[in-house]
Every structure is written in structure tokens, then in C-alpha cells.
Amino acid sequence: LSGNLHSSVKVKPITMSAPVVTQRAVPLFPSNRLSAELLANINQKWESCWPVNVLRPLALLDLLSYLLFVKELKEKQLLNRKPVGTFDNIYTKEKDNQSWSDFENMDTQSMHNLFTKEKGLTEVIKNYGDTGFRYSLFVKEPLFLTPTAAMLGNIVDIIKIMEAEDRHTTAAIFEYLINRAGITAQNGQVYA
């Protein structure tokens, strides 16, 4: 009897479909912190980095992060300290006269020359990354690209814009640039 009962019952397979989820960035800071004028200024500087801003936006964010890190090192005077031991290769008298404010106020060609010359800023930071000093782990790897003078000037101008704002607006600007670059996690969370 039980064999006949089961054979007469037709079982319809159940199909389940997952809901369609669109990935959209989840902002950590409200975008209304950024005025139209501020956004226009940032967009103008970002667009001036064409074609890198379109083809390799992560490289621009890498440069921005690198320069923010250099700024922080200079402000904390970590580059100007003569290291104890044999790390004389990252300390020179020339660096005593360099400060972030001097760097950011140079014309773009002078800034680029200081950035790319032998024993220039890029090499100083690379050597700092090899020391094992505080924060050195963050600058062990080279930049994704060597910037042109104009690109370097535009990114420094974005940093100047960020400096003029409070820290929450600065974070909103950085998050805005990350969103412009299209860098989001699989769950839609913005990398910030």
C-alpha cells in the first residue's frame, strides 16, 4: 500500500532564486559634507590627471596616499631624525631644510625634480621603508607609477584642499575619490 501511495504522488521540484543585489558603495561619511564648489574643485584637479584618472585611478589614489604619508612623516619629523646605528643613508643635511610646506608650495617642475631626482623624495622614502622604523612597513613597496610634474601638482593641490577642511570632510573627500575610482568591496563597503 505504501508503495502505491508514493508512486501516485507527484513531487514538484522547488526552485529558489536569490534576490538580485546591486552593489553600491556604502558611504562611511555623508556626501552632503562636500559642497558643490568643493566637489567642482576636486573634480577639476582629478580630471586634470587624464588619462591616468580613467585608465589607472588606483595609481592616483596610491600617489595621493603616498604623499599624505610623506606629509605625515615630515610633520612628525620622522624623516629628519638621524637614526641610531648605521642608517646614515636616509639622513642628509639637505633634508633638514625640507618641510612639507616647502614642498607643497614649490612650482610643479621643482616639486617633480625633488620627487624623482637621485636621492630625492622617492628614494628617501624607499630607504625609510627599509629601516624598520615606525611606519616603515607602509612604504616598502614602490609607487604604481612615476608621476608627471602636472599630475604631481594636481594631487598636491587635492591635498591642499583636504588640509583646508576638518578631518571629517577630509575623510569624506578621500572616500569620494575612492568612489570615483570605483573601488568597493564585494559587499558594497567602500575601502576607506
N, C-alpha and C. Protein backbone atom coordinates (compact mmCIF):
# COMPACT_ATOMS: atom_id res chain seq x y z
N LEU A 1 0.81 -1.19 0.00
CA LEU A 1 0.00 0.00 0.00
C LEU A 1 0.86 1.25 0.00
N SER A 2 1.86 1.25 0.84
CA SER A 2 2.70 2.45 0.90
C SER A 2 3.46 2.64 -0.40
N GLY A 3 3.80 1.58 -1.11
CA GLY A 3 4.48 1.70 -2.39
C GLY A 3 3.59 2.37 -3.42
N ASN A 4 2.28 2.06 -3.42
CA ASN A 4 1.35 2.66 -4.37
C ASN A 4 1.11 4.13 -4.06
N LEU A 5 1.08 4.48 -2.78
CA LEU A 5 0.80 5.87 -2.36
C LEU A 5 1.90 6.79 -2.84
N HIS A 6 3.12 6.34 -2.70
CA HIS A 6 4.25 7.18 -3.12
C HIS A 6 4.35 7.31 -4.63
N SER A 7 3.96 6.29 -5.33
CA SER A 7 4.09 6.34 -6.77
C SER A 7 3.03 7.24 -7.40
N SER A 8 1.90 7.45 -6.72
CA SER A 8 0.85 8.30 -7.29
C SER A 8 1.02 9.77 -6.94
N VAL A 9 1.84 10.07 -5.96
CA VAL A 9 2.07 11.47 -5.56
C VAL A 9 3.16 12.04 -6.45
N LYS A 10 2.84 13.13 -7.07
CA LYS A 10 3.82 13.79 -7.92
C LYS A 10 4.49 14.90 -7.13
N VAL A 11 5.77 14.86 -7.09
CA VAL A 11 6.55 15.84 -6.35
C VAL A 11 7.06 16.88 -7.34
N LYS A 12 6.73 18.09 -7.05
CA LYS A 12 7.18 19.19 -7.91
C LYS A 12 8.45 19.77 -7.29
N PRO A 13 9.50 19.84 -8.08
CA PRO A 13 10.73 20.39 -7.50
C PRO A 13 10.55 21.86 -7.13
N ILE A 14 11.15 22.24 -6.04
CA ILE A 14 11.09 23.63 -5.57
C ILE A 14 12.34 24.35 -6.07
N THR A 15 12.12 25.43 -6.74
CA THR A 15 13.25 26.24 -7.19
C THR A 15 13.25 27.53 -6.40
N MET A 16 14.41 27.85 -5.93
CA MET A 16 14.55 29.09 -5.16
C MET A 16 15.52 29.99 -5.91
N SER A 17 15.18 31.22 -5.99
CA SER A 17 16.11 32.16 -6.62
C SER A 17 16.53 33.19 -5.59
N ALA A 18 17.77 33.50 -5.64
CA ALA A 18 18.30 34.50 -4.70
C ALA A 18 17.88 35.89 -5.18
N PRO A 19 17.62 36.78 -4.25
CA PRO A 19 17.27 38.14 -4.65
C PRO A 19 18.47 38.81 -5.34
N VAL A 20 18.18 39.62 -6.29
CA VAL A 20 19.23 40.32 -7.01
C VAL A 20 19.69 41.51 -6.16
N VAL A 21 20.97 41.53 -5.88
CA VAL A 21 21.54 42.59 -5.05
C VAL A 21 22.47 43.40 -5.92
N THR A 22 22.22 44.67 -6.00
CA THR A 22 23.14 45.51 -6.75
C THR A 22 24.19 46.04 -5.78
N GLN A 23 25.41 46.05 -6.24
CA GLN A 23 26.48 46.54 -5.38
C GLN A 23 26.59 48.04 -5.54
N ARG A 24 26.41 48.70 -4.44
CA ARG A 24 26.52 50.13 -4.41
C ARG A 24 27.36 50.50 -3.19
N ALA A 25 28.18 51.47 -3.33
CA ALA A 25 29.05 51.87 -2.23
C ALA A 25 28.22 52.32 -1.04
N VAL A 26 28.64 51.88 0.11
CA VAL A 26 28.01 52.30 1.35
C VAL A 26 28.90 53.37 1.96
N PRO A 27 28.48 54.63 1.91
CA PRO A 27 29.36 55.69 2.40
C PRO A 27 29.53 55.66 3.92
N LEU A 28 30.75 55.89 4.34
CA LEU A 28 31.02 56.00 5.77
C LEU A 28 30.79 57.42 6.26
N PHE A 29 30.98 58.37 5.37
CA PHE A 29 30.78 59.77 5.69
C PHE A 29 29.74 60.33 4.73
N PRO A 30 28.79 61.10 5.24
CA PRO A 30 27.76 61.63 4.35
C PRO A 30 28.34 62.54 3.27
N SER A 31 27.89 62.33 2.06
CA SER A 31 28.42 63.12 0.95
C SER A 31 27.95 64.57 1.00
N ASN A 32 26.94 64.85 1.79
CA ASN A 32 26.48 66.24 1.88
C ASN A 32 27.48 67.13 2.63
N ARG A 33 28.55 66.54 3.15
CA ARG A 33 29.62 67.34 3.77
C ARG A 33 30.39 68.11 2.71
N LEU A 34 30.30 67.65 1.46
CA LEU A 34 31.07 68.24 0.39
C LEU A 34 30.19 69.21 -0.41
N SER A 35 30.55 70.46 -0.39
CA SER A 35 29.78 71.48 -1.12
C SER A 35 30.00 71.30 -2.62
N ALA A 36 29.12 71.89 -3.39
CA ALA A 36 29.24 71.82 -4.85
C ALA A 36 30.54 72.46 -5.31
N GLU A 37 30.92 73.55 -4.67
CA GLU A 37 32.17 74.24 -5.02
C GLU A 37 33.38 73.36 -4.73
N LEU A 38 33.37 72.71 -3.57
CA LEU A 38 34.46 71.82 -3.18
C LEU A 38 34.56 70.64 -4.15
N LEU A 39 33.41 70.04 -4.47
CA LEU A 39 33.40 68.92 -5.42
C LEU A 39 33.90 69.35 -6.79
N ALA A 40 33.49 70.52 -7.23
CA ALA A 40 33.93 71.02 -8.54
C ALA A 40 35.44 71.20 -8.56
N ASN A 41 35.99 71.73 -7.48
CA ASN A 41 37.43 71.94 -7.38
C ASN A 41 38.18 70.61 -7.39
N ILE A 42 37.70 69.65 -6.61
CA ILE A 42 38.32 68.32 -6.56
C ILE A 42 38.22 67.64 -7.92
N ASN A 43 37.03 67.70 -8.53
CA ASN A 43 36.83 67.07 -9.83
C ASN A 43 37.74 67.68 -10.89
N GLN A 44 37.92 68.98 -10.85
CA GLN A 44 38.79 69.65 -11.82
C GLN A 44 40.23 69.15 -11.68
N LYS A 45 40.71 69.03 -10.45
CA LYS A 45 42.07 68.53 -10.22
C LYS A 45 42.19 67.06 -10.64
N TRP A 46 41.18 66.25 -10.31
CA TRP A 46 41.19 64.83 -10.64
C TRP A 46 41.16 64.65 -12.16
N GLU A 47 40.29 65.39 -12.84
CA GLU A 47 40.17 65.29 -14.30
C GLU A 47 41.44 65.78 -15.01
N SER A 48 42.18 66.67 -14.37
CA SER A 48 43.43 67.16 -14.95
C SER A 48 44.52 66.09 -15.00
N CYS A 49 44.26 64.99 -14.35
CA CYS A 49 45.22 63.87 -14.36
C CYS A 49 44.90 62.88 -15.48
N TRP A 50 44.09 63.28 -16.45
CA TRP A 50 43.74 62.42 -17.56
C TRP A 50 44.99 62.04 -18.35
N PRO A 51 45.14 60.85 -18.83
CA PRO A 51 44.24 59.72 -18.88
C PRO A 51 44.38 58.76 -17.70
N VAL A 52 45.31 59.05 -16.79
CA VAL A 52 45.54 58.13 -15.66
C VAL A 52 44.29 58.01 -14.79
N ASN A 53 43.54 59.12 -14.61
CA ASN A 53 42.35 59.06 -13.77
C ASN A 53 41.30 58.11 -14.34
N VAL A 54 41.33 57.85 -15.62
CA VAL A 54 40.38 56.94 -16.25
C VAL A 54 40.96 55.53 -16.35
N LEU A 55 42.19 55.44 -16.81
CA LEU A 55 42.81 54.14 -17.06
C LEU A 55 43.35 53.46 -15.81
N ARG A 56 43.90 54.24 -14.89
CA ARG A 56 44.53 53.68 -13.69
C ARG A 56 44.22 54.53 -12.46
N PRO A 57 42.95 54.66 -12.10
CA PRO A 57 42.62 55.53 -10.96
C PRO A 57 43.24 55.07 -9.65
N LEU A 58 43.48 53.77 -9.51
CA LEU A 58 44.13 53.27 -8.30
C LEU A 58 45.54 53.82 -8.16
N ALA A 59 46.22 54.05 -9.28
CA ALA A 59 47.57 54.62 -9.25
C ALA A 59 47.53 56.05 -8.70
N LEU A 60 46.48 56.80 -9.03
CA LEU A 60 46.35 58.16 -8.47
C LEU A 60 46.07 58.11 -6.98
N LEU A 61 45.22 57.17 -6.56
CA LEU A 61 44.96 57.03 -5.12
C LEU A 61 46.22 56.58 -4.39
N ASP A 62 47.01 55.75 -5.02
CA ASP A 62 48.29 55.32 -4.45
C ASP A 62 49.20 56.53 -4.25
N LEU A 63 49.28 57.39 -5.27
CA LEU A 63 50.11 58.60 -5.18
C LEU A 63 49.58 59.53 -4.10
N LEU A 64 48.27 59.70 -4.04
CA LEU A 64 47.66 60.55 -3.01
C LEU A 64 47.99 60.01 -1.62
N SER A 65 47.82 58.72 -1.42
CA SER A 65 48.13 58.10 -0.12
C SER A 65 49.60 58.24 0.22
N TYR A 66 50.45 58.03 -0.76
CA TYR A 66 51.90 58.14 -0.58
C TYR A 66 52.27 59.55 -0.14
N LEU A 67 51.72 60.55 -0.81
CA LEU A 67 52.03 61.94 -0.46
C LEU A 67 51.46 62.32 0.91
N LEU A 68 50.28 61.80 1.24
CA LEU A 68 49.73 62.04 2.58
C LEU A 68 50.63 61.42 3.64
N PHE A 69 51.19 60.26 3.32
CA PHE A 69 52.09 59.61 4.25
C PHE A 69 53.39 60.42 4.40
N VAL A 70 53.92 60.90 3.28
CA VAL A 70 55.13 61.74 3.33
C VAL A 70 54.85 62.98 4.18
N LYS A 71 53.71 63.59 3.97
CA LYS A 71 53.31 64.78 4.74
C LYS A 71 53.30 64.46 6.24
N GLU A 72 52.72 63.33 6.58
CA GLU A 72 52.65 62.93 7.99
C GLU A 72 54.05 62.67 8.57
N LEU A 73 54.90 62.01 7.80
CA LEU A 73 56.27 61.76 8.26
C LEU A 73 57.02 63.07 8.48
N LYS A 74 56.84 64.01 7.55
CA LYS A 74 57.52 65.30 7.68
C LYS A 74 56.99 66.07 8.88
N GLU A 75 55.67 66.06 9.07
CA GLU A 75 55.08 66.80 10.19
C GLU A 75 55.50 66.21 11.53
N LYS A 76 55.64 64.89 11.58
CA LYS A 76 56.08 64.25 12.82
C LYS A 76 57.60 64.23 12.94
N GLN A 77 58.27 64.78 11.94
CA GLN A 77 59.73 64.90 11.88
C GLN A 77 60.42 63.54 11.99
N LEU A 78 59.79 62.52 11.45
CA LEU A 78 60.40 61.19 11.48
C LEU A 78 61.49 61.05 10.43
N LEU A 79 61.44 61.84 9.37
CA LEU A 79 62.48 61.76 8.35
C LEU A 79 63.72 62.55 8.74
N ASN A 80 63.57 63.54 9.60
CA ASN A 80 64.69 64.41 9.93
C ASN A 80 65.53 63.90 11.09
N ARG A 81 65.09 62.86 11.75
CA ARG A 81 65.87 62.32 12.86
C ARG A 81 67.01 61.47 12.34
N LYS A 82 68.18 61.74 12.85
CA LYS A 82 69.31 60.90 12.47
C LYS A 82 69.16 59.58 13.21
N PRO A 83 69.08 58.52 12.49
CA PRO A 83 68.86 57.23 13.13
C PRO A 83 70.06 56.78 13.95
N VAL A 84 69.77 56.04 14.98
CA VAL A 84 70.83 55.45 15.79
C VAL A 84 71.35 54.25 15.01
N GLY A 85 72.64 54.10 14.92
CA GLY A 85 73.20 52.96 14.20
C GLY A 85 73.76 53.37 12.85
N THR A 86 73.56 52.52 11.86
CA THR A 86 74.22 52.72 10.57
C THR A 86 73.25 53.16 9.47
N PHE A 87 72.20 53.81 9.81
CA PHE A 87 71.22 54.19 8.79
C PHE A 87 71.48 55.59 8.26
N ASP A 88 72.75 55.96 8.11
CA ASP A 88 73.09 57.29 7.62
C ASP A 88 72.61 57.53 6.19
N ASN A 89 72.27 56.47 5.46
CA ASN A 89 71.86 56.63 4.07
C ASN A 89 70.51 57.35 3.93
N ILE A 90 69.71 57.46 4.98
CA ILE A 90 68.45 58.18 4.83
C ILE A 90 68.51 59.57 5.45
N TYR A 91 69.62 59.91 6.05
CA TYR A 91 69.74 61.21 6.69
C TYR A 91 70.79 62.05 5.97
N THR A 92 70.41 63.24 5.55
CA THR A 92 71.38 64.16 4.98
C THR A 92 71.07 65.55 5.51
N LYS A 93 72.04 66.43 5.49
CA LYS A 93 71.84 67.81 5.92
C LYS A 93 70.77 68.48 5.05
N GLU A 94 70.72 68.10 3.77
CA GLU A 94 69.76 68.68 2.83
C GLU A 94 68.32 68.49 3.31
N LYS A 95 68.05 67.34 3.95
CA LYS A 95 66.69 67.07 4.41
C LYS A 95 66.28 67.96 5.58
N ASP A 96 67.26 68.52 6.30
CA ASP A 96 66.92 69.41 7.40
C ASP A 96 66.13 70.63 6.92
N ASN A 97 66.41 71.06 5.70
CA ASN A 97 65.77 72.26 5.17
C ASN A 97 64.47 71.96 4.43
N GLN A 98 64.12 70.72 4.27
CA GLN A 98 62.89 70.37 3.56
C GLN A 98 61.76 70.20 4.55
N SER A 99 60.62 70.77 4.22
CA SER A 99 59.43 70.55 5.01
C SER A 99 58.28 70.34 4.05
N TRP A 100 57.18 69.84 4.56
CA TRP A 100 56.03 69.62 3.69
C TRP A 100 55.55 70.95 3.10
N SER A 101 55.51 72.00 3.91
CA SER A 101 55.02 73.29 3.41
C SER A 101 55.94 73.83 2.31
N ASP A 102 57.25 73.59 2.42
CA ASP A 102 58.16 73.98 1.34
C ASP A 102 57.85 73.18 0.08
N PHE A 103 57.65 71.89 0.24
CA PHE A 103 57.38 71.02 -0.90
C PHE A 103 56.07 71.40 -1.59
N GLU A 104 54.99 71.56 -0.82
CA GLU A 104 53.69 71.82 -1.44
C GLU A 104 53.59 73.21 -2.07
N ASN A 105 54.49 74.11 -1.71
CA ASN A 105 54.46 75.46 -2.28
C ASN A 105 55.45 75.66 -3.42
N MET A 106 56.15 74.60 -3.80
CA MET A 106 57.06 74.68 -4.95
C MET A 106 56.25 74.72 -6.24
N ASP A 107 56.88 75.21 -7.31
CA ASP A 107 56.24 75.07 -8.62
C ASP A 107 56.29 73.60 -8.99
N THR A 108 55.43 73.18 -9.91
CA THR A 108 55.30 71.75 -10.19
C THR A 108 56.58 71.11 -10.71
N GLN A 109 57.35 71.84 -11.51
CA GLN A 109 58.59 71.25 -12.04
C GLN A 109 59.62 71.04 -10.93
N SER A 110 59.75 72.00 -10.03
CA SER A 110 60.69 71.85 -8.89
C SER A 110 60.24 70.72 -7.98
N MET A 111 58.93 70.63 -7.77
CA MET A 111 58.37 69.56 -6.95
C MET A 111 58.70 68.20 -7.59
N HIS A 112 58.51 68.11 -8.88
CA HIS A 112 58.78 66.87 -9.61
C HIS A 112 60.27 66.52 -9.55
N ASN A 113 61.13 67.53 -9.73
CA ASN A 113 62.57 67.28 -9.66
C ASN A 113 62.97 66.75 -8.29
N LEU A 114 62.45 67.35 -7.22
CA LEU A 114 62.75 66.88 -5.87
C LEU A 114 62.20 65.48 -5.64
N PHE A 115 61.06 65.21 -6.23
CA PHE A 115 60.40 63.92 -6.05
C PHE A 115 61.15 62.80 -6.75
N THR A 116 61.67 63.07 -7.96
CA THR A 116 62.22 61.99 -8.78
C THR A 116 63.74 61.96 -8.90
N LYS A 117 64.42 63.00 -8.44
CA LYS A 117 65.87 63.02 -8.62
C LYS A 117 66.55 61.92 -7.80
N GLU A 118 67.81 61.66 -8.13
CA GLU A 118 68.58 60.69 -7.35
C GLU A 118 68.71 61.24 -5.93
N LYS A 119 68.46 60.39 -4.97
CA LYS A 119 68.41 60.76 -3.55
C LYS A 119 67.30 61.78 -3.28
N GLY A 120 66.29 61.75 -4.14
CA GLY A 120 65.12 62.61 -3.98
C GLY A 120 64.12 61.99 -3.01
N LEU A 121 62.95 62.57 -2.97
CA LEU A 121 61.94 62.17 -2.00
C LEU A 121 61.54 60.70 -2.13
N THR A 122 61.39 60.21 -3.35
CA THR A 122 61.01 58.81 -3.55
C THR A 122 62.07 57.87 -2.99
N GLU A 123 63.32 58.18 -3.24
CA GLU A 123 64.41 57.33 -2.74
C GLU A 123 64.54 57.43 -1.22
N VAL A 124 64.34 58.63 -0.68
CA VAL A 124 64.40 58.82 0.77
C VAL A 124 63.32 57.97 1.45
N ILE A 125 62.11 58.00 0.89
CA ILE A 125 61.02 57.22 1.48
C ILE A 125 61.28 55.73 1.31
N LYS A 126 61.80 55.31 0.16
CA LYS A 126 62.12 53.89 -0.03
C LYS A 126 63.15 53.44 1.01
N ASN A 127 64.18 54.26 1.21
CA ASN A 127 65.20 53.93 2.21
C ASN A 127 64.59 53.91 3.61
N TYR A 128 63.69 54.81 3.89
CA TYR A 128 63.00 54.81 5.18
C TYR A 128 62.22 53.51 5.36
N GLY A 129 61.61 53.03 4.27
CA GLY A 129 60.86 51.78 4.33
C GLY A 129 61.74 50.59 4.66
N ASP A 130 63.01 50.67 4.34
CA ASP A 130 63.94 49.57 4.60
C ASP A 130 64.54 49.59 6.01
N THR A 131 64.26 50.62 6.80
CA THR A 131 64.91 50.76 8.10
C THR A 131 64.28 49.97 9.22
N GLY A 132 62.98 49.69 9.12
CA GLY A 132 62.30 49.05 10.23
C GLY A 132 61.83 50.06 11.27
N PHE A 133 61.95 51.35 10.97
CA PHE A 133 61.48 52.39 11.88
C PHE A 133 59.96 52.43 11.89
N ARG A 134 59.44 53.27 12.77
CA ARG A 134 58.00 53.46 12.89
C ARG A 134 57.40 53.81 11.53
N TYR A 135 56.32 53.15 11.16
CA TYR A 135 55.58 53.33 9.91
C TYR A 135 56.34 52.87 8.67
N SER A 136 57.54 52.34 8.79
CA SER A 136 58.32 51.98 7.61
C SER A 136 57.68 50.87 6.79
N LEU A 137 56.90 50.03 7.42
CA LEU A 137 56.24 48.93 6.73
C LEU A 137 55.32 49.45 5.61
N PHE A 138 54.76 50.65 5.79
CA PHE A 138 53.78 51.17 4.84
C PHE A 138 54.40 51.71 3.56
N VAL A 139 55.71 51.90 3.53
CA VAL A 139 56.34 52.46 2.33
C VAL A 139 57.41 51.54 1.75
N LYS A 140 57.30 50.26 2.01
CA LYS A 140 58.27 49.30 1.48
C LYS A 140 58.11 49.14 -0.04
N GLU A 141 56.89 49.20 -0.53
CA GLU A 141 56.62 48.98 -1.94
C GLU A 141 56.70 50.29 -2.71
N PRO A 142 57.17 50.24 -3.95
CA PRO A 142 57.25 51.46 -4.76
C PRO A 142 55.87 51.91 -5.22
N LEU A 143 55.79 53.12 -5.70
CA LEU A 143 54.54 53.64 -6.26
C LEU A 143 54.16 52.85 -7.50
N PHE A 144 52.86 52.85 -7.84
CA PHE A 144 52.39 52.18 -9.05
C PHE A 144 52.90 52.86 -10.31
N LEU A 145 53.17 54.15 -10.24
CA LEU A 145 53.66 54.88 -11.40
C LEU A 145 54.49 56.06 -10.93
N THR A 146 55.36 56.52 -11.82
CA THR A 146 56.12 57.74 -11.55
C THR A 146 55.30 58.89 -12.13
N PRO A 147 54.89 59.83 -11.31
CA PRO A 147 54.00 60.89 -11.80
C PRO A 147 54.73 61.91 -12.67
N THR A 148 53.96 62.53 -13.55
CA THR A 148 54.47 63.67 -14.29
C THR A 148 54.43 64.88 -13.36
N ALA A 149 55.06 65.96 -13.76
CA ALA A 149 55.05 67.17 -12.93
C ALA A 149 53.62 67.68 -12.75
N ALA A 150 52.84 67.69 -13.84
CA ALA A 150 51.46 68.19 -13.76
C ALA A 150 50.61 67.30 -12.85
N MET A 151 50.75 65.99 -12.97
CA MET A 151 49.98 65.07 -12.14
C MET A 151 50.35 65.25 -10.66
N LEU A 152 51.62 65.34 -10.38
CA LEU A 152 52.08 65.55 -9.01
C LEU A 152 51.51 66.85 -8.45
N GLY A 153 51.53 67.91 -9.26
CA GLY A 153 50.97 69.18 -8.83
C GLY A 153 49.48 69.10 -8.54
N ASN A 154 48.73 68.38 -9.37
CA ASN A 154 47.29 68.23 -9.15
C ASN A 154 46.98 67.44 -7.89
N ILE A 155 47.73 66.40 -7.63
CA ILE A 155 47.49 65.61 -6.42
C ILE A 155 47.88 66.42 -5.18
N VAL A 156 48.95 67.18 -5.25
CA VAL A 156 49.31 68.06 -4.13
C VAL A 156 48.23 69.11 -3.92
N ASP A 157 47.63 69.61 -5.00
CA ASP A 157 46.53 70.56 -4.87
C ASP A 157 45.32 69.93 -4.18
N ILE A 158 45.04 68.66 -4.47
CA ILE A 158 43.96 67.97 -3.77
C ILE A 158 44.28 67.87 -2.28
N ILE A 159 45.54 67.61 -1.96
CA ILE A 159 45.94 67.55 -0.54
C ILE A 159 45.77 68.92 0.11
N LYS A 160 46.09 69.98 -0.60
CA LYS A 160 45.89 71.34 -0.06
C LYS A 160 44.41 71.59 0.22
N ILE A 161 43.55 71.13 -0.67
CA ILE A 161 42.11 71.25 -0.45
C ILE A 161 41.72 70.49 0.82
N MET A 162 42.26 69.29 0.96
CA MET A 162 41.96 68.47 2.14
C MET A 162 42.46 69.14 3.42
N GLU A 163 43.64 69.76 3.35
CA GLU A 163 44.22 70.42 4.53
C GLU A 163 43.34 71.58 5.02
N ALA A 164 42.63 72.21 4.10
CA ALA A 164 41.81 73.37 4.46
C ALA A 164 40.50 72.96 5.14
N GLU A 165 40.21 71.68 5.18
CA GLU A 165 38.94 71.19 5.73
C GLU A 165 39.17 70.49 7.07
N ASP A 166 38.06 70.26 7.81
CA ASP A 166 38.17 69.50 9.05
C ASP A 166 38.38 68.02 8.71
N ARG A 167 38.70 67.22 9.71
CA ARG A 167 39.09 65.84 9.45
C ARG A 167 37.95 64.99 8.89
N HIS A 168 36.69 65.30 9.26
CA HIS A 168 35.57 64.54 8.73
C HIS A 168 35.35 64.85 7.25
N THR A 169 35.51 66.10 6.89
CA THR A 169 35.38 66.49 5.49
C THR A 169 36.54 65.91 4.68
N THR A 170 37.73 65.91 5.27
CA THR A 170 38.89 65.31 4.61
C THR A 170 38.62 63.83 4.34
N ALA A 171 38.08 63.13 5.32
CA ALA A 171 37.74 61.71 5.13
C ALA A 171 36.67 61.56 4.06
N ALA A 172 35.69 62.45 4.03
CA ALA A 172 34.64 62.40 3.00
C ALA A 172 35.23 62.64 1.61
N ILE A 173 36.21 63.52 1.51
CA ILE A 173 36.88 63.77 0.23
C ILE A 173 37.61 62.50 -0.23
N PHE A 174 38.35 61.88 0.68
CA PHE A 174 39.08 60.67 0.32
C PHE A 174 38.11 59.57 -0.10
N GLU A 175 37.02 59.44 0.64
CA GLU A 175 36.02 58.43 0.30
C GLU A 175 35.38 58.74 -1.05
N TYR A 176 35.13 60.01 -1.32
CA TYR A 176 34.59 60.42 -2.61
C TYR A 176 35.53 60.00 -3.75
N LEU A 177 36.83 60.21 -3.55
CA LEU A 177 37.81 59.82 -4.58
C LEU A 177 37.87 58.30 -4.75
N ILE A 178 37.73 57.58 -3.66
CA ILE A 178 37.69 56.11 -3.75
C ILE A 178 36.46 55.69 -4.55
N ASN A 179 35.33 56.33 -4.28
CA ASN A 179 34.12 56.02 -5.05
C ASN A 179 34.29 56.37 -6.52
N ARG A 180 34.93 57.48 -6.80
CA ARG A 180 35.18 57.87 -8.19
C ARG A 180 36.02 56.84 -8.89
N ALA A 181 36.96 56.27 -8.16
CA ALA A 181 37.84 55.25 -8.74
C ALA A 181 37.12 53.91 -8.87
N GLY A 182 35.96 53.78 -8.25
CA GLY A 182 35.19 52.55 -8.36
C GLY A 182 35.74 51.42 -7.54
N ILE A 183 36.36 51.72 -6.42
CA ILE A 183 36.96 50.69 -5.58
C ILE A 183 36.02 50.39 -4.42
N THR A 184 35.32 49.27 -4.53
CA THR A 184 34.42 48.84 -3.45
C THR A 184 34.65 47.37 -3.18
N ALA A 185 34.29 46.98 -2.00
CA ALA A 185 34.41 45.56 -1.63
C ALA A 185 33.24 44.80 -2.22
N GLN A 186 33.25 43.49 -2.12
CA GLN A 186 32.18 42.67 -2.68
C GLN A 186 30.84 42.97 -2.01
N ASN A 187 30.86 43.36 -0.74
CA ASN A 187 29.61 43.65 -0.06
C ASN A 187 29.16 45.08 -0.24
N GLY A 188 29.86 45.84 -1.07
CA GLY A 188 29.48 47.22 -1.32
C GLY A 188 30.13 48.21 -0.38
N GLN A 189 30.84 47.72 0.63
CA GLN A 189 31.50 48.61 1.58
C GLN A 189 32.67 49.28 0.89
N VAL A 190 32.82 50.57 1.09
CA VAL A 190 33.91 51.31 0.49
C VAL A 190 35.17 51.06 1.28
N TYR A 191 36.28 50.88 0.56
CA TYR A 191 37.58 50.79 1.23
C TYR A 191 37.98 52.20 1.62
N ALA A 192 38.04 52.47 2.89
CA ALA A 192 38.46 53.80 3.35
C ALA A 192 39.35 53.66 4.55
